[in-house]
Amino acid sequence: MCVFRVSGAHFDVDQFLGKSLWLPPAIFRAGEPRFPASQPKGPILEQSGFNLNVSDAEFSELHRQIHDAILFLRSNEKELVRLRDFPGVEGMCLDFGIEERDVPAQSEAFPPELLFLLGQMGISLAFTLYPTQDA
């Protein structure tokens, strides 16, 4: 799974999404509880933003996630530029969920095309390792 994340302390997420065709599965707003269902009086969010699913490929399918991410970046270029330039946006990140393999040293490579597109948009790259289903 690959997820696009955007956030900012003064980002008006509702104003941005009001003029967007994107329908993020997760939207969060500064000042709201971090865990509203389980801890409504618990920690408060300091940033607003949203998460958008870019690829539903499995953790073991990094090449497919990369392919889907490149398609997302190319087909959403105008909206990504609008987002990059939108007031209050402090960070944008493309996070690849990767299966943790049982190897002495796990290394993952990302193609220049992906890195170029991310750099053009000011989007950082991250990957999160997840244990295999067998573990």
C-alpha atoms as a PDB file:
ATOM      1  CA  MET A   1       0.000   0.000   0.000  1.00  0.00           C
ATOM      2  CA  CYS A   2       1.232   3.474  -0.855  1.00  0.00           C
ATOM      3  CA  VAL A   3      -0.244   6.531   0.868  1.00  0.00           C
ATOM      4  CA  PHE A   4       0.118  10.224   0.076  1.00  0.00           C
ATOM      5  CA  ARG A   5       0.136  12.333   3.251  1.00  0.00           C
ATOM      6  CA  VAL A   6      -0.126  16.118   3.544  1.00  0.00           C
ATOM      7  CA  SER A   7      -0.178  18.303   6.636  1.00  0.00           C
ATOM      8  CA  GLY A   8       0.389  21.730   8.095  1.00  0.00           C
ATOM      9  CA  ALA A   9      -0.294  23.533  11.365  1.00  0.00           C
ATOM     10  CA  HIS A  10      -2.211  26.284   9.539  1.00  0.00           C
ATOM     11  CA  PHE A  11      -3.444  24.240   6.560  1.00  0.00           C
ATOM     12  CA  ASP A  12      -7.177  24.751   5.923  1.00  0.00           C
ATOM     13  CA  VAL A  13      -7.822  21.216   4.750  1.00  0.00           C
ATOM     14  CA  ASP A  14     -11.551  21.809   4.250  1.00  0.00           C
ATOM     15  CA  GLN A  15     -10.968  24.823   2.006  1.00  0.00           C
ATOM     16  CA  PHE A  16      -8.497  22.882  -0.132  1.00  0.00           C
ATOM     17  CA  LEU A  17     -10.651  19.749  -0.421  1.00  0.00           C
ATOM     18  CA  GLY A  18     -13.754  21.851  -1.137  1.00  0.00           C
ATOM     19  CA  LYS A  19     -12.328  22.538  -4.595  1.00  0.00           C
ATOM     20  CA  SER A  20     -10.764  19.127  -5.162  1.00  0.00           C
ATOM     21  CA  LEU A  21     -12.003  15.902  -6.717  1.00  0.00           C
ATOM     22  CA  TRP A  22      -9.931  13.910  -4.222  1.00  0.00           C
ATOM     23  CA  LEU A  23     -11.902  11.986  -1.581  1.00  0.00           C
ATOM     24  CA  PRO A  24      -9.372  11.139   1.136  1.00  0.00           C
ATOM     25  CA  PRO A  25     -10.250   8.270   3.478  1.00  0.00           C
ATOM     26  CA  ALA A  26      -8.598  10.146   6.359  1.00  0.00           C
ATOM     27  CA  ILE A  27      -8.944  13.866   7.110  1.00  0.00           C
ATOM     28  CA  PHE A  28      -7.649  15.433  10.309  1.00  0.00           C
ATOM     29  CA  ARG A  29      -7.837  18.932  11.732  1.00  0.00           C
ATOM     30  CA  ALA A  30      -5.648  20.807  14.206  1.00  0.00           C
ATOM     31  CA  GLY A  31      -7.348  21.176  17.566  1.00  0.00           C
ATOM     32  CA  GLU A  32      -9.355  17.945  17.292  1.00  0.00           C
ATOM     33  CA  PRO A  33      -8.659  14.913  19.486  1.00  0.00           C
ATOM     34  CA  ARG A  34      -6.013  12.567  18.062  1.00  0.00           C
ATOM     35  CA  PHE A  35      -8.106   9.516  19.021  1.00  0.00           C
ATOM     36  CA  PRO A  36     -11.693  10.829  19.103  1.00  0.00           C
ATOM     37  CA  ALA A  37     -13.382   7.453  19.638  1.00  0.00           C
ATOM     38  CA  SER A  38     -11.129   5.985  22.311  1.00  0.00           C
ATOM     39  CA  GLN A  39      -9.673   9.135  23.932  1.00  0.00           C
ATOM     40  CA  PRO A  40     -11.948  12.121  23.223  1.00  0.00           C
ATOM     41  CA  LYS A  41     -10.236  14.130  25.962  1.00  0.00           C
ATOM     42  CA  GLY A  42      -6.781  12.810  25.098  1.00  0.00           C
ATOM     43  CA  PRO A  43      -4.000  14.336  22.978  1.00  0.00           C
ATOM     44  CA  ILE A  44      -4.945  17.079  20.524  1.00  0.00           C
ATOM     45  CA  LEU A  45      -3.781  17.231  16.904  1.00  0.00           C
ATOM     46  CA  GLU A  46      -1.349  20.037  16.165  1.00  0.00           C
ATOM     47  CA  GLN A  47      -1.664  19.795  12.378  1.00  0.00           C
ATOM     48  CA  SER A  48      -4.411  19.514   9.782  1.00  0.00           C
ATOM     49  CA  GLY A  49      -4.199  17.376   6.693  1.00  0.00           C
ATOM     50  CA  PHE A  50      -5.285  14.239   4.934  1.00  0.00           C
ATOM     51  CA  ASN A  51      -4.123  10.867   3.687  1.00  0.00           C
ATOM     52  CA  LEU A  52      -4.892   9.648   0.189  1.00  0.00           C
ATOM     53  CA  ASN A  53      -4.459   6.071  -0.999  1.00  0.00           C
ATOM     54  CA  VAL A  54      -2.223   5.963  -4.068  1.00  0.00           C
ATOM     55  CA  SER A  55      -1.826   2.197  -4.458  1.00  0.00           C
ATOM     56  CA  ASP A  56      -3.616  -0.772  -2.976  1.00  0.00           C
ATOM     57  CA  ALA A  57      -0.793  -3.130  -3.980  1.00  0.00           C
ATOM     58  CA  GLU A  58       0.345  -5.522  -1.263  1.00  0.00           C
ATOM     59  CA  PHE A  59       3.362  -4.784   0.946  1.00  0.00           C
ATOM     60  CA  SER A  60       5.281  -7.394  -1.068  1.00  0.00           C
ATOM     61  CA  GLU A  61       4.521  -5.623  -4.379  1.00  0.00           C
ATOM     62  CA  LEU A  62       6.827  -2.602  -4.224  1.00  0.00           C
ATOM     63  CA  HIS A  63       7.245  -2.478  -8.023  1.00  0.00           C
ATOM     64  CA  ARG A  64       3.474  -2.217  -8.467  1.00  0.00           C
ATOM     65  CA  GLN A  65       3.261   0.472  -5.763  1.00  0.00           C
ATOM     66  CA  ILE A  66       5.960   2.447  -7.578  1.00  0.00           C
ATOM     67  CA  HIS A  67       4.127   2.066 -10.896  1.00  0.00           C
ATOM     68  CA  ASP A  68       0.863   3.272  -9.308  1.00  0.00           C
ATOM     69  CA  ALA A  69       2.666   6.171  -7.604  1.00  0.00           C
ATOM     70  CA  ILE A  70       4.177   7.372 -10.871  1.00  0.00           C
ATOM     71  CA  LEU A  71       0.732   7.239 -12.510  1.00  0.00           C
ATOM     72  CA  PHE A  72      -0.722   9.193  -9.569  1.00  0.00           C
ATOM     73  CA  LEU A  73       1.966  11.884  -9.763  1.00  0.00           C
ATOM     74  CA  ARG A  74       1.660  12.257 -13.531  1.00  0.00           C
ATOM     75  CA  SER A  75      -2.160  12.252 -13.676  1.00  0.00           C
ATOM     76  CA  ASN A  76      -2.568  14.629 -10.712  1.00  0.00           C
ATOM     77  CA  GLU A  77       0.177  17.123 -11.549  1.00  0.00           C
ATOM     78  CA  LYS A  78      -2.115  20.186 -11.596  1.00  0.00           C
ATOM     79  CA  GLU A  79      -3.759  19.306  -8.293  1.00  0.00           C
ATOM     80  CA  LEU A  80      -0.402  18.536  -6.685  1.00  0.00           C
ATOM     81  CA  VAL A  81       0.961  21.931  -7.767  1.00  0.00           C
ATOM     82  CA  ARG A  82      -2.168  23.606  -6.362  1.00  0.00           C
ATOM     83  CA  LEU A  83      -1.643  21.700  -3.111  1.00  0.00           C
ATOM     84  CA  ARG A  84       2.078  22.479  -2.961  1.00  0.00           C
ATOM     85  CA  ASP A  85       1.334  26.183  -3.342  1.00  0.00           C
ATOM     86  CA  PHE A  86      -1.694  26.191  -1.019  1.00  0.00           C
ATOM     87  CA  PRO A  87      -1.259  28.320   2.131  1.00  0.00           C
ATOM     88  CA  GLY A  88      -0.362  26.389   5.260  1.00  0.00           C
ATOM     89  CA  VAL A  89       0.915  23.210   3.612  1.00  0.00           C
ATOM     90  CA  GLU A  90       4.128  22.305   5.425  1.00  0.00           C
ATOM     91  CA  GLY A  91       4.723  18.747   4.336  1.00  0.00           C
ATOM     92  CA  MET A  92       3.804  16.295   1.624  1.00  0.00           C
ATOM     93  CA  CYS A  93       5.029  12.727   1.699  1.00  0.00           C
ATOM     94  CA  LEU A  94       4.569   9.577  -0.357  1.00  0.00           C
ATOM     95  CA  ASP A  95       4.818   6.618   2.026  1.00  0.00           C
ATOM     96  CA  PHE A  96       5.379   3.122   0.644  1.00  0.00           C
ATOM     97  CA  GLY A  97       4.330   0.220   2.855  1.00  0.00           C
ATOM     98  CA  ILE A  98       6.945  -2.493   2.376  1.00  0.00           C
ATOM     99  CA  GLU A  99       7.069  -6.052   3.639  1.00  0.00           C
ATOM    100  CA  GLU A 100       9.948  -6.642   6.032  1.00  0.00           C
ATOM    101  CA  ARG A 101      11.930  -9.573   4.687  1.00  0.00           C
ATOM    102  CA  ASP A 102      13.983 -11.981   6.766  1.00  0.00           C
ATOM    103  CA  VAL A 103      17.361 -10.900   5.386  1.00  0.00           C
ATOM    104  CA  PRO A 104      20.539  -9.606   7.055  1.00  0.00           C
ATOM    105  CA  ALA A 105      20.125  -6.190   5.401  1.00  0.00           C
ATOM    106  CA  GLN A 106      17.038  -5.031   3.548  1.00  0.00           C
ATOM    107  CA  SER A 107      17.606  -2.552   0.761  1.00  0.00           C
ATOM    108  CA  GLU A 108      14.991  -0.960  -1.490  1.00  0.00           C
ATOM    109  CA  ALA A 109      15.663   1.108  -4.603  1.00  0.00           C
ATOM    110  CA  PHE A 110      13.411   3.726  -6.137  1.00  0.00           C
ATOM    111  CA  PRO A 111      13.695   4.648  -9.823  1.00  0.00           C
ATOM    112  CA  PRO A 112      14.943   8.046 -10.994  1.00  0.00           C
ATOM    113  CA  GLU A 113      11.587   8.823 -12.653  1.00  0.00           C
ATOM    114  CA  LEU A 114       9.780   8.588  -9.306  1.00  0.00           C
ATOM    115  CA  LEU A 115      12.453  10.579  -7.490  1.00  0.00           C
ATOM    116  CA  PHE A 116      12.406  13.258 -10.201  1.00  0.00           C
ATOM    117  CA  LEU A 117       8.616  13.647 -10.004  1.00  0.00           C
ATOM    118  CA  LEU A 118       8.701  13.821  -6.214  1.00  0.00           C
ATOM    119  CA  GLY A 119      11.477  16.411  -6.302  1.00  0.00           C
ATOM    120  CA  GLN A 120       9.585  18.564  -8.801  1.00  0.00           C
ATOM    121  CA  MET A 121       6.574  18.652  -6.490  1.00  0.00           C
ATOM    122  CA  GLY A 122       8.485  19.033  -3.230  1.00  0.00           C
ATOM    123  CA  ILE A 123       7.159  15.699  -1.975  1.00  0.00           C
ATOM    124  CA  SER A 124       9.307  13.609   0.330  1.00  0.00           C
ATOM    125  CA  LEU A 125       9.632   9.854   0.049  1.00  0.00           C
ATOM    126  CA  ALA A 126       9.182   7.515   2.992  1.00  0.00           C
ATOM    127  CA  PHE A 127       8.786   3.808   3.444  1.00  0.00           C
ATOM    128  CA  THR A 128       7.350   1.949   6.364  1.00  0.00           C
ATOM    129  CA  LEU A 129       8.376  -1.642   7.022  1.00  0.00           C
ATOM    130  CA  TYR A 130       5.689  -4.114   8.050  1.00  0.00           C
ATOM    131  CA  PRO A 131       6.258  -7.617   9.383  1.00  0.00           C
ATOM    132  CA  THR A 132       5.331 -10.462   7.036  1.00  0.00           C
ATOM    133  CA  GLN A 133       2.040 -12.211   7.591  1.00  0.00           C
ATOM    134  CA  ASP A 134       4.003 -15.333   8.634  1.00  0.00           C
ATOM    135  CA  ALA A 135       5.774 -13.584  11.525  1.00  0.00           C
END
